[in-house]
Amino acid sequence: MKKLMLMVSLFLSQAFLITSYAAEKPIEFVVQLTRNSDNYGHRRAFLQLDKTLSEIGEDKIKFTVIAYEEGIQALTANNKGTSQLLTKLANRGVIFKACRISMNAWNLTENDFPLEVEYVPAGAPEVIRLQMDGYKYWKQ
């Protein structure tokens, strides 16, 4: 009987630790941003991220935005529709990555982006790599 009680106690304590760890680790999403800015597309995408963080909680969800193709414009420092939102979202823990291939295609340099933006060699492979690392996918 003591062995059974000990086994049950150990099982419950391990289950509690696993549940506690799972509850503490935020769910990570990679956000593919390739849309153009028509109809405020970039701004709407950033507002959706902001709303989702507010509704679900910054402690429960984490976003990494990979911008390429026309989506690269959303990350530029002079984008009046998104520059302030980008800073706000970065302060909330959102990571922004710009595709160097798209930067070259649009004649953009690192000087065209705010300090919050990181750079990756290519956008699509980064989206796939993050999914392979366990990130969930969200296309904007």
C-alpha atoms as a PDB file:
ATOM      1  CA  MET A   1       0.000   0.000   0.000  1.00  0.00           C
ATOM      2  CA  LYS A   2       2.860   2.365   0.830  1.00  0.00           C
ATOM      3  CA  LYS A   3       4.427   1.671  -2.557  1.00  0.00           C
ATOM      4  CA  LEU A   4       1.155   2.430  -4.315  1.00  0.00           C
ATOM      5  CA  MET A   5       0.731   5.675  -2.369  1.00  0.00           C
ATOM      6  CA  LEU A   6       4.308   6.659  -3.143  1.00  0.00           C
ATOM      7  CA  MET A   7       3.851   5.897  -6.859  1.00  0.00           C
ATOM      8  CA  VAL A   8       0.612   7.888  -7.011  1.00  0.00           C
ATOM      9  CA  SER A   9       2.257  10.773  -5.174  1.00  0.00           C
ATOM     10  CA  LEU A  10       5.239  10.772  -7.547  1.00  0.00           C
ATOM     11  CA  PHE A  11       2.962  10.561 -10.577  1.00  0.00           C
ATOM     12  CA  LEU A  12       0.843  13.489  -9.417  1.00  0.00           C
ATOM     13  CA  SER A  13       3.863  15.648  -8.596  1.00  0.00           C
ATOM     14  CA  GLN A  14       5.391  14.964 -12.036  1.00  0.00           C
ATOM     15  CA  ALA A  15       2.077  15.675 -13.749  1.00  0.00           C
ATOM     16  CA  PHE A  16       1.845  18.947 -11.827  1.00  0.00           C
ATOM     17  CA  LEU A  17       5.383  19.942 -12.854  1.00  0.00           C
ATOM     18  CA  ILE A  18       4.738  19.118 -16.514  1.00  0.00           C
ATOM     19  CA  THR A  19       1.444  21.024 -16.487  1.00  0.00           C
ATOM     20  CA  SER A  20       3.052  23.990 -14.749  1.00  0.00           C
ATOM     21  CA  TYR A  21       5.892  24.106 -17.267  1.00  0.00           C
ATOM     22  CA  ALA A  22       3.516  23.846 -20.221  1.00  0.00           C
ATOM     23  CA  ALA A  23       1.357  26.637 -18.835  1.00  0.00           C
ATOM     24  CA  GLU A  24       4.364  28.926 -18.400  1.00  0.00           C
ATOM     25  CA  LYS A  25       5.843  28.512 -21.878  1.00  0.00           C
ATOM     26  CA  PRO A  26       4.128  30.760 -24.459  1.00  0.00           C
ATOM     27  CA  ILE A  27       2.918  29.279 -27.721  1.00  0.00           C
ATOM     28  CA  GLU A  28       5.140  30.544 -30.523  1.00  0.00           C
ATOM     29  CA  PHE A  29       3.775  31.646 -33.887  1.00  0.00           C
ATOM     30  CA  VAL A  30       5.633  32.566 -37.023  1.00  0.00           C
ATOM     31  CA  VAL A  31       3.708  35.201 -38.967  1.00  0.00           C
ATOM     32  CA  GLN A  32       4.319  35.335 -42.708  1.00  0.00           C
ATOM     33  CA  LEU A  33       3.771  38.884 -43.938  1.00  0.00           C
ATOM     34  CA  THR A  34       3.800  39.050 -47.724  1.00  0.00           C
ATOM     35  CA  ARG A  35       0.659  41.069 -48.439  1.00  0.00           C
ATOM     36  CA  ASN A  36       0.799  44.521 -49.936  1.00  0.00           C
ATOM     37  CA  SER A  37      -0.316  47.705 -48.234  1.00  0.00           C
ATOM     38  CA  ASP A  38      -3.555  48.038 -50.232  1.00  0.00           C
ATOM     39  CA  ASN A  39      -6.561  48.806 -48.038  1.00  0.00           C
ATOM     40  CA  TYR A  40      -4.221  49.359 -45.069  1.00  0.00           C
ATOM     41  CA  GLY A  41      -3.144  45.704 -45.206  1.00  0.00           C
ATOM     42  CA  HIS A  42       0.078  46.205 -43.248  1.00  0.00           C
ATOM     43  CA  ARG A  43      -1.584  48.291 -40.556  1.00  0.00           C
ATOM     44  CA  ARG A  44      -4.463  45.817 -40.230  1.00  0.00           C
ATOM     45  CA  ALA A  45      -1.993  42.935 -39.824  1.00  0.00           C
ATOM     46  CA  PHE A  46      -0.176  44.763 -37.017  1.00  0.00           C
ATOM     47  CA  LEU A  47      -3.458  45.685 -35.340  1.00  0.00           C
ATOM     48  CA  GLN A  48      -4.490  42.010 -35.423  1.00  0.00           C
ATOM     49  CA  LEU A  49      -1.249  41.055 -33.679  1.00  0.00           C
ATOM     50  CA  ASP A  50      -1.809  43.750 -31.053  1.00  0.00           C
ATOM     51  CA  LYS A  51      -5.403  42.656 -30.461  1.00  0.00           C
ATOM     52  CA  THR A  52      -4.406  39.003 -30.200  1.00  0.00           C
ATOM     53  CA  LEU A  53      -1.730  39.806 -27.619  1.00  0.00           C
ATOM     54  CA  SER A  54      -4.283  41.792 -25.619  1.00  0.00           C
ATOM     55  CA  GLU A  55      -6.974  39.107 -25.807  1.00  0.00           C
ATOM     56  CA  ILE A  56      -4.803  36.038 -25.170  1.00  0.00           C
ATOM     57  CA  GLY A  57      -1.955  37.570 -23.166  1.00  0.00           C
ATOM     58  CA  GLU A  58       1.687  38.332 -23.822  1.00  0.00           C
ATOM     59  CA  ASP A  59       2.641  35.586 -21.386  1.00  0.00           C
ATOM     60  CA  LYS A  60       0.747  32.955 -23.385  1.00  0.00           C
ATOM     61  CA  ILE A  61       1.670  33.784 -26.981  1.00  0.00           C
ATOM     62  CA  LYS A  62       4.765  34.927 -28.840  1.00  0.00           C
ATOM     63  CA  PHE A  63       4.981  36.206 -32.419  1.00  0.00           C
ATOM     64  CA  THR A  64       7.874  36.332 -34.852  1.00  0.00           C
ATOM     65  CA  VAL A  65       6.983  38.257 -38.017  1.00  0.00           C
ATOM     66  CA  ILE A  66       8.879  37.383 -41.187  1.00  0.00           C
ATOM     67  CA  ALA A  67       8.329  40.044 -43.846  1.00  0.00           C
ATOM     68  CA  TYR A  68       9.186  39.503 -47.484  1.00  0.00           C
ATOM     69  CA  GLU A  69       7.894  40.263 -50.968  1.00  0.00           C
ATOM     70  CA  GLU A  70       5.579  43.285 -50.641  1.00  0.00           C
ATOM     71  CA  GLY A  71       5.288  42.730 -46.913  1.00  0.00           C
ATOM     72  CA  ILE A  72       8.829  44.068 -46.480  1.00  0.00           C
ATOM     73  CA  GLN A  73       7.405  47.589 -46.756  1.00  0.00           C
ATOM     74  CA  ALA A  74       5.522  47.096 -43.465  1.00  0.00           C
ATOM     75  CA  LEU A  75       8.825  47.102 -41.583  1.00  0.00           C
ATOM     76  CA  THR A  76      10.340  50.267 -43.027  1.00  0.00           C
ATOM     77  CA  ALA A  77      10.944  53.168 -40.674  1.00  0.00           C
ATOM     78  CA  ASN A  78       9.125  55.645 -42.923  1.00  0.00           C
ATOM     79  CA  ASN A  79       5.914  53.597 -43.152  1.00  0.00           C
ATOM     80  CA  LYS A  80       3.446  56.003 -41.533  1.00  0.00           C
ATOM     81  CA  GLY A  81       0.813  53.297 -41.114  1.00  0.00           C
ATOM     82  CA  THR A  82       2.979  50.837 -39.205  1.00  0.00           C
ATOM     83  CA  SER A  83       6.108  52.451 -37.741  1.00  0.00           C
ATOM     84  CA  GLN A  84       4.560  53.329 -34.374  1.00  0.00           C
ATOM     85  CA  LEU A  85       2.729  49.992 -34.192  1.00  0.00           C
ATOM     86  CA  LEU A  86       5.975  48.151 -34.961  1.00  0.00           C
ATOM     87  CA  THR A  87       7.664  49.848 -32.006  1.00  0.00           C
ATOM     88  CA  LYS A  88       4.688  49.139 -29.744  1.00  0.00           C
ATOM     89  CA  LEU A  89       4.596  45.471 -30.775  1.00  0.00           C
ATOM     90  CA  ALA A  90       8.362  45.085 -30.373  1.00  0.00           C
ATOM     91  CA  ASN A  91       7.982  46.433 -26.840  1.00  0.00           C
ATOM     92  CA  ARG A  92       5.342  43.722 -26.288  1.00  0.00           C
ATOM     93  CA  GLY A  93       7.834  41.041 -27.347  1.00  0.00           C
ATOM     94  CA  VAL A  94       7.074  40.649 -31.063  1.00  0.00           C
ATOM     95  CA  ILE A  95      10.172  39.883 -33.128  1.00  0.00           C
ATOM     96  CA  PHE A  96      10.383  41.361 -36.624  1.00  0.00           C
ATOM     97  CA  LYS A  97      12.642  39.929 -39.345  1.00  0.00           C
ATOM     98  CA  ALA A  98      13.205  41.385 -42.800  1.00  0.00           C
ATOM     99  CA  CYS A  99      14.197  39.280 -45.806  1.00  0.00           C
ATOM    100  CA  ARG A 100      17.436  40.451 -47.421  1.00  0.00           C
ATOM    101  CA  ILE A 101      16.336  39.191 -50.847  1.00  0.00           C
ATOM    102  CA  SER A 102      13.254  41.421 -50.678  1.00  0.00           C
ATOM    103  CA  MET A 103      15.349  44.290 -49.319  1.00  0.00           C
ATOM    104  CA  ASN A 104      17.582  44.032 -52.382  1.00  0.00           C
ATOM    105  CA  ALA A 105      14.573  43.791 -54.713  1.00  0.00           C
ATOM    106  CA  TRP A 106      13.145  47.016 -53.248  1.00  0.00           C
ATOM    107  CA  ASN A 107      16.557  48.748 -53.006  1.00  0.00           C
ATOM    108  CA  LEU A 108      16.319  48.911 -49.219  1.00  0.00           C
ATOM    109  CA  THR A 109      19.218  48.893 -46.763  1.00  0.00           C
ATOM    110  CA  GLU A 110      19.360  48.368 -43.005  1.00  0.00           C
ATOM    111  CA  ASN A 111      19.228  52.167 -42.687  1.00  0.00           C
ATOM    112  CA  ASP A 112      15.646  52.051 -44.005  1.00  0.00           C
ATOM    113  CA  PHE A 113      14.471  50.011 -40.991  1.00  0.00           C
ATOM    114  CA  PRO A 114      14.083  50.808 -37.298  1.00  0.00           C
ATOM    115  CA  LEU A 115      16.428  49.237 -34.766  1.00  0.00           C
ATOM    116  CA  GLU A 116      13.764  46.692 -33.731  1.00  0.00           C
ATOM    117  CA  VAL A 117      14.067  44.840 -37.055  1.00  0.00           C
ATOM    118  CA  GLU A 118      16.374  41.840 -37.475  1.00  0.00           C
ATOM    119  CA  TYR A 119      17.503  40.458 -40.834  1.00  0.00           C
ATOM    120  CA  VAL A 120      17.439  37.007 -42.428  1.00  0.00           C
ATOM    121  CA  PRO A 121      18.978  35.925 -45.732  1.00  0.00           C
ATOM    122  CA  ALA A 122      15.620  34.762 -47.150  1.00  0.00           C
ATOM    123  CA  GLY A 123      12.074  35.012 -45.800  1.00  0.00           C
ATOM    124  CA  ALA A 124      10.428  31.779 -46.968  1.00  0.00           C
ATOM    125  CA  PRO A 125      13.145  29.448 -45.634  1.00  0.00           C
ATOM    126  CA  GLU A 126      13.019  31.271 -42.273  1.00  0.00           C
ATOM    127  CA  VAL A 127       9.259  30.678 -42.061  1.00  0.00           C
ATOM    128  CA  ILE A 128       9.798  26.985 -42.755  1.00  0.00           C
ATOM    129  CA  ARG A 129      12.756  26.710 -40.355  1.00  0.00           C
ATOM    130  CA  LEU A 130      10.725  28.184 -37.495  1.00  0.00           C
ATOM    131  CA  GLN A 131       7.870  25.760 -38.206  1.00  0.00           C
ATOM    132  CA  MET A 132      10.364  22.909 -38.099  1.00  0.00           C
ATOM    133  CA  ASP A 133      11.437  24.281 -34.690  1.00  0.00           C
ATOM    134  CA  GLY A 134       7.848  23.957 -33.431  1.00  0.00           C
ATOM    135  CA  TYR A 135       6.357  27.354 -34.232  1.00  0.00           C
ATOM    136  CA  LYS A 136       2.749  27.431 -35.386  1.00  0.00           C
ATOM    137  CA  TYR A 137       2.011  29.241 -38.665  1.00  0.00           C
ATOM    138  CA  TRP A 138      -0.098  32.352 -39.210  1.00  0.00           C
ATOM    139  CA  LYS A 139      -0.230  34.029 -42.613  1.00  0.00           C
ATOM    140  CA  GLN A 140      -1.080  37.710 -42.749  1.00  0.00           C
END
